[in-house]
Amino acid sequence: MTVRRGEVVLVAIPNQKARPSIVLTPEWLSRYSLDVSVVPLTTVARTRFPTRVELPAGEGGLNKTSWAKCDQVTTVPKTLLIGQPFGRVSPGLLEAIEAAVRLSLGL
């Protein structure tokens, strides 16, 4: 299974509920890897939290406004991906998510 960077997928994250997440793994690596790195999403707003990026309803196929939890990047086996991707986030939002991930990792 190949997933593309920026796609919104439902993930059965261990020790959590299944939640939509954004794929960070590049497509070339996803073709060969059994795992993918994802940024989980939440519908709980955090005001002035620099590592959370807002995704408006409709973005990436989401039906509710959500926030990318860029401080909680995780790698999961592809076997934990549920169903087909909801959609893909816009290039501008993907750039904002990448910047927030770099901030959270001190890069």
N, C-alpha and C. Protein backbone atom coordinates (compact mmCIF):
# COMPACT_ATOMS: atom_id res chain seq x y z
N MET A 1 0.85 -1.19 0.00
CA MET A 1 0.00 0.00 0.00
C MET A 1 0.89 1.24 0.00
N THR A 2 0.59 2.17 -0.88
CA THR A 2 1.30 3.43 -0.93
C THR A 2 0.34 4.55 -0.54
N VAL A 3 0.74 5.34 0.43
CA VAL A 3 -0.01 6.55 0.78
C VAL A 3 0.86 7.74 0.42
N ARG A 4 0.21 8.86 0.18
CA ARG A 4 0.94 10.04 -0.27
C ARG A 4 1.06 11.06 0.85
N ARG A 5 2.18 11.76 0.86
CA ARG A 5 2.42 12.83 1.82
C ARG A 5 1.28 13.85 1.72
N GLY A 6 0.73 14.23 2.86
CA GLY A 6 -0.35 15.21 2.89
C GLY A 6 -1.74 14.61 2.89
N GLU A 7 -1.84 13.29 2.70
CA GLU A 7 -3.16 12.66 2.73
C GLU A 7 -3.66 12.57 4.17
N VAL A 8 -4.98 12.68 4.32
CA VAL A 8 -5.62 12.52 5.62
C VAL A 8 -6.18 11.10 5.67
N VAL A 9 -5.69 10.33 6.63
CA VAL A 9 -6.08 8.92 6.75
C VAL A 9 -6.56 8.66 8.18
N LEU A 10 -7.43 7.67 8.33
CA LEU A 10 -7.86 7.26 9.66
C LEU A 10 -6.85 6.23 10.16
N VAL A 11 -6.33 6.45 11.38
CA VAL A 11 -5.28 5.59 11.93
C VAL A 11 -5.72 5.06 13.29
N ALA A 12 -5.55 3.76 13.48
CA ALA A 12 -5.80 3.14 14.79
C ALA A 12 -4.52 3.27 15.59
N ILE A 13 -4.27 4.45 16.15
CA ILE A 13 -3.04 4.71 16.91
C ILE A 13 -3.09 3.90 18.21
N PRO A 14 -2.05 3.10 18.48
CA PRO A 14 -2.05 2.28 19.70
C PRO A 14 -2.28 3.12 20.96
N ASN A 15 -3.07 2.58 21.87
CA ASN A 15 -3.39 3.20 23.16
C ASN A 15 -4.16 4.50 23.03
N GLN A 16 -4.76 4.75 21.88
CA GLN A 16 -5.62 5.91 21.66
C GLN A 16 -6.81 5.46 20.83
N LYS A 17 -7.76 6.35 20.65
CA LYS A 17 -8.86 6.05 19.74
C LYS A 17 -8.37 6.24 18.30
N ALA A 18 -9.06 5.60 17.37
CA ALA A 18 -8.73 5.83 15.96
C ALA A 18 -9.01 7.29 15.66
N ARG A 19 -8.07 7.92 14.95
CA ARG A 19 -8.26 9.34 14.65
C ARG A 19 -7.67 9.66 13.29
N PRO A 20 -8.25 10.66 12.63
CA PRO A 20 -7.66 11.12 11.37
C PRO A 20 -6.25 11.65 11.63
N SER A 21 -5.38 11.42 10.68
CA SER A 21 -3.99 11.85 10.79
C SER A 21 -3.48 12.24 9.41
N ILE A 22 -2.47 13.08 9.38
CA ILE A 22 -1.87 13.52 8.10
C ILE A 22 -0.57 12.77 7.90
N VAL A 23 -0.41 12.19 6.73
CA VAL A 23 0.80 11.43 6.39
C VAL A 23 1.94 12.39 6.12
N LEU A 24 3.09 12.15 6.77
CA LEU A 24 4.30 12.94 6.53
C LEU A 24 5.31 12.20 5.66
N THR A 25 5.24 10.89 5.63
CA THR A 25 6.20 10.09 4.87
C THR A 25 6.09 10.41 3.38
N PRO A 26 7.21 10.67 2.71
CA PRO A 26 7.15 10.93 1.27
C PRO A 26 6.73 9.67 0.50
N GLU A 27 6.10 9.89 -0.64
CA GLU A 27 5.56 8.78 -1.43
C GLU A 27 6.63 7.79 -1.83
N TRP A 28 7.84 8.26 -2.20
CA TRP A 28 8.89 7.33 -2.64
C TRP A 28 9.25 6.35 -1.54
N LEU A 29 9.21 6.79 -0.27
CA LEU A 29 9.54 5.92 0.84
C LEU A 29 8.33 5.04 1.21
N SER A 30 7.15 5.60 1.09
CA SER A 30 5.94 4.86 1.41
C SER A 30 5.78 3.61 0.53
N ARG A 31 6.27 3.68 -0.69
CA ARG A 31 6.18 2.52 -1.59
C ARG A 31 6.88 1.29 -1.04
N TYR A 32 7.97 1.51 -0.30
CA TYR A 32 8.81 0.41 0.15
C TYR A 32 8.69 0.10 1.64
N SER A 33 8.26 1.07 2.41
CA SER A 33 8.23 0.94 3.86
C SER A 33 6.95 0.27 4.36
N LEU A 34 7.07 -0.43 5.46
CA LEU A 34 5.90 -1.03 6.10
C LEU A 34 5.25 -0.07 7.09
N ASP A 35 5.95 1.06 7.37
CA ASP A 35 5.46 2.06 8.32
C ASP A 35 5.33 3.42 7.65
N VAL A 36 4.53 4.30 8.27
CA VAL A 36 4.44 5.69 7.83
C VAL A 36 4.44 6.59 9.06
N SER A 37 4.98 7.78 8.89
CA SER A 37 4.94 8.79 9.95
C SER A 37 3.73 9.67 9.73
N VAL A 38 3.01 9.94 10.81
CA VAL A 38 1.77 10.71 10.71
C VAL A 38 1.72 11.76 11.81
N VAL A 39 0.91 12.78 11.56
CA VAL A 39 0.58 13.81 12.55
C VAL A 39 -0.90 13.62 12.89
N PRO A 40 -1.21 13.24 14.13
CA PRO A 40 -2.61 13.04 14.50
C PRO A 40 -3.38 14.36 14.52
N LEU A 41 -4.68 14.26 14.31
CA LEU A 41 -5.55 15.44 14.33
C LEU A 41 -6.48 15.37 15.53
N THR A 42 -6.94 16.53 15.96
CA THR A 42 -7.90 16.65 17.04
C THR A 42 -8.92 17.72 16.68
N THR A 43 -10.08 17.65 17.29
CA THR A 43 -11.08 18.71 17.12
C THR A 43 -11.08 19.66 18.31
N VAL A 44 -10.18 19.43 19.27
CA VAL A 44 -10.07 20.28 20.45
C VAL A 44 -9.10 21.42 20.16
N ALA A 45 -9.60 22.65 20.25
CA ALA A 45 -8.79 23.83 19.95
C ALA A 45 -7.85 24.15 21.11
N ARG A 46 -6.64 24.59 20.77
CA ARG A 46 -5.67 25.09 21.76
C ARG A 46 -5.28 26.49 21.31
N THR A 47 -5.70 27.48 22.03
CA THR A 47 -5.36 28.84 21.64
C THR A 47 -3.89 29.12 21.90
N ARG A 48 -3.27 29.80 20.97
CA ARG A 48 -1.86 30.21 21.06
C ARG A 48 -0.92 29.04 21.37
N PHE A 49 -1.14 27.96 20.72
CA PHE A 49 -0.29 26.78 20.88
C PHE A 49 0.47 26.64 19.57
N PRO A 50 1.77 26.96 19.55
CA PRO A 50 2.50 27.11 18.28
C PRO A 50 2.72 25.83 17.48
N THR A 51 2.50 24.67 18.11
CA THR A 51 2.72 23.44 17.37
C THR A 51 1.41 22.78 16.93
N ARG A 52 0.33 23.54 16.93
CA ARG A 52 -0.96 23.06 16.43
C ARG A 52 -1.34 23.92 15.23
N VAL A 53 -1.69 23.27 14.14
CA VAL A 53 -2.06 23.97 12.91
C VAL A 53 -3.54 23.70 12.63
N GLU A 54 -4.29 24.77 12.45
CA GLU A 54 -5.73 24.65 12.21
C GLU A 54 -6.02 24.21 10.78
N LEU A 55 -6.92 23.26 10.65
CA LEU A 55 -7.42 22.81 9.34
C LEU A 55 -8.92 23.10 9.32
N PRO A 56 -9.35 24.02 8.47
CA PRO A 56 -10.78 24.33 8.43
C PRO A 56 -11.60 23.14 7.93
N ALA A 57 -12.86 23.09 8.33
CA ALA A 57 -13.76 22.04 7.85
C ALA A 57 -13.73 22.03 6.32
N GLY A 58 -13.68 20.84 5.74
CA GLY A 58 -13.62 20.69 4.29
C GLY A 58 -12.20 20.42 3.80
N GLU A 59 -11.20 20.90 4.55
CA GLU A 59 -9.80 20.68 4.15
C GLU A 59 -9.46 19.20 4.29
N GLY A 60 -8.86 18.63 3.27
CA GLY A 60 -8.44 17.24 3.31
C GLY A 60 -9.57 16.24 3.48
N GLY A 61 -10.81 16.68 3.18
CA GLY A 61 -11.96 15.79 3.32
C GLY A 61 -12.53 15.72 4.72
N LEU A 62 -12.06 16.59 5.62
CA LEU A 62 -12.56 16.59 7.00
C LEU A 62 -13.89 17.33 7.07
N ASN A 63 -14.82 16.84 7.88
CA ASN A 63 -16.10 17.53 7.99
C ASN A 63 -16.18 18.45 9.21
N LYS A 64 -15.13 18.49 10.03
CA LYS A 64 -15.08 19.40 11.18
C LYS A 64 -13.75 20.14 11.18
N THR A 65 -13.76 21.36 11.70
CA THR A 65 -12.50 22.07 11.90
C THR A 65 -11.65 21.23 12.85
N SER A 66 -10.39 21.06 12.49
CA SER A 66 -9.49 20.22 13.27
C SER A 66 -8.14 20.91 13.41
N TRP A 67 -7.30 20.36 14.28
CA TRP A 67 -5.95 20.88 14.48
C TRP A 67 -4.96 19.74 14.38
N ALA A 68 -3.90 19.98 13.61
CA ALA A 68 -2.81 19.01 13.50
C ALA A 68 -1.96 19.12 14.75
N LYS A 69 -1.75 17.99 15.42
CA LYS A 69 -0.98 17.94 16.66
C LYS A 69 0.49 17.69 16.30
N CYS A 70 1.15 18.74 15.81
CA CYS A 70 2.50 18.62 15.25
C CYS A 70 3.55 18.29 16.30
N ASP A 71 3.18 18.35 17.57
CA ASP A 71 4.08 17.97 18.65
C ASP A 71 3.93 16.49 19.00
N GLN A 72 3.11 15.76 18.23
CA GLN A 72 2.88 14.34 18.52
C GLN A 72 3.06 13.47 17.28
N VAL A 73 4.07 13.77 16.47
CA VAL A 73 4.38 12.95 15.30
C VAL A 73 4.65 11.53 15.76
N THR A 74 4.09 10.57 15.05
CA THR A 74 4.29 9.17 15.40
C THR A 74 4.44 8.33 14.14
N THR A 75 5.09 7.21 14.27
CA THR A 75 5.25 6.28 13.16
C THR A 75 4.43 5.04 13.49
N VAL A 76 3.61 4.62 12.52
CA VAL A 76 2.73 3.47 12.72
C VAL A 76 2.87 2.50 11.54
N PRO A 77 2.63 1.22 11.78
CA PRO A 77 2.59 0.28 10.68
C PRO A 77 1.41 0.61 9.76
N LYS A 78 1.59 0.40 8.48
CA LYS A 78 0.51 0.66 7.53
C LYS A 78 -0.72 -0.19 7.82
N THR A 79 -0.53 -1.31 8.51
CA THR A 79 -1.67 -2.17 8.86
C THR A 79 -2.65 -1.46 9.79
N LEU A 80 -2.24 -0.35 10.42
CA LEU A 80 -3.13 0.40 11.31
C LEU A 80 -3.92 1.48 10.58
N LEU A 81 -3.69 1.64 9.28
CA LEU A 81 -4.47 2.60 8.49
C LEU A 81 -5.80 1.95 8.16
N ILE A 82 -6.87 2.71 8.36
CA ILE A 82 -8.23 2.18 8.19
C ILE A 82 -8.87 2.80 6.96
N GLY A 83 -9.26 1.98 6.00
CA GLY A 83 -9.98 2.46 4.82
C GLY A 83 -9.13 3.30 3.89
N GLN A 84 -9.81 4.06 3.05
CA GLN A 84 -9.17 4.92 2.06
C GLN A 84 -8.94 6.32 2.64
N PRO A 85 -7.98 7.07 2.10
CA PRO A 85 -7.77 8.46 2.56
C PRO A 85 -9.03 9.31 2.37
N PHE A 86 -9.24 10.26 3.28
CA PHE A 86 -10.36 11.20 3.17
C PHE A 86 -10.11 12.22 2.07
N GLY A 87 -8.85 12.57 1.89
CA GLY A 87 -8.47 13.61 0.94
C GLY A 87 -7.04 13.99 1.21
N ARG A 88 -6.67 15.16 0.73
CA ARG A 88 -5.29 15.64 0.88
C ARG A 88 -5.34 17.12 1.25
N VAL A 89 -4.45 17.54 2.16
CA VAL A 89 -4.42 18.95 2.56
C VAL A 89 -3.74 19.77 1.47
N SER A 90 -4.02 21.04 1.46
CA SER A 90 -3.44 21.95 0.46
C SER A 90 -1.94 22.09 0.70
N PRO A 91 -1.18 22.44 -0.35
CA PRO A 91 0.27 22.62 -0.19
C PRO A 91 0.62 23.65 0.89
N GLY A 92 -0.14 24.73 0.98
CA GLY A 92 0.15 25.76 1.99
C GLY A 92 -0.03 25.24 3.40
N LEU A 93 -1.07 24.47 3.63
CA LEU A 93 -1.26 23.90 4.97
C LEU A 93 -0.21 22.84 5.28
N LEU A 94 0.18 22.06 4.28
CA LEU A 94 1.23 21.07 4.50
C LEU A 94 2.54 21.76 4.89
N GLU A 95 2.84 22.88 4.26
CA GLU A 95 4.04 23.65 4.63
C GLU A 95 3.96 24.15 6.07
N ALA A 96 2.77 24.63 6.48
CA ALA A 96 2.59 25.11 7.85
C ALA A 96 2.76 23.96 8.84
N ILE A 97 2.27 22.77 8.50
CA ILE A 97 2.41 21.60 9.36
C ILE A 97 3.89 21.21 9.45
N GLU A 98 4.59 21.20 8.33
CA GLU A 98 6.02 20.88 8.34
C GLU A 98 6.79 21.86 9.23
N ALA A 99 6.46 23.14 9.15
CA ALA A 99 7.15 24.16 9.97
C ALA A 99 6.87 23.91 11.46
N ALA A 100 5.63 23.56 11.80
CA ALA A 100 5.29 23.31 13.20
C ALA A 100 5.97 22.04 13.71
N VAL A 101 6.13 21.03 12.85
CA VAL A 101 6.85 19.82 13.24
C VAL A 101 8.32 20.16 13.51
N ARG A 102 8.92 20.96 12.63
CA ARG A 102 10.32 21.37 12.84
C ARG A 102 10.45 22.12 14.18
N LEU A 103 9.51 23.00 14.47
CA LEU A 103 9.53 23.75 15.73
C LEU A 103 9.44 22.80 16.91
N SER A 104 8.53 21.82 16.84
CA SER A 104 8.34 20.91 17.97
C SER A 104 9.55 20.01 18.20
N LEU A 105 10.33 19.75 17.13
CA LEU A 105 11.51 18.90 17.26
C LEU A 105 12.80 19.72 17.44
N GLY A 106 12.66 21.04 17.43
CA GLY A 106 13.82 21.90 17.60
C GLY A 106 14.76 21.88 16.40
N LEU A 107 14.21 21.72 15.20
CA LEU A 107 15.03 21.66 13.99
C LEU A 107 15.08 22.99 13.27
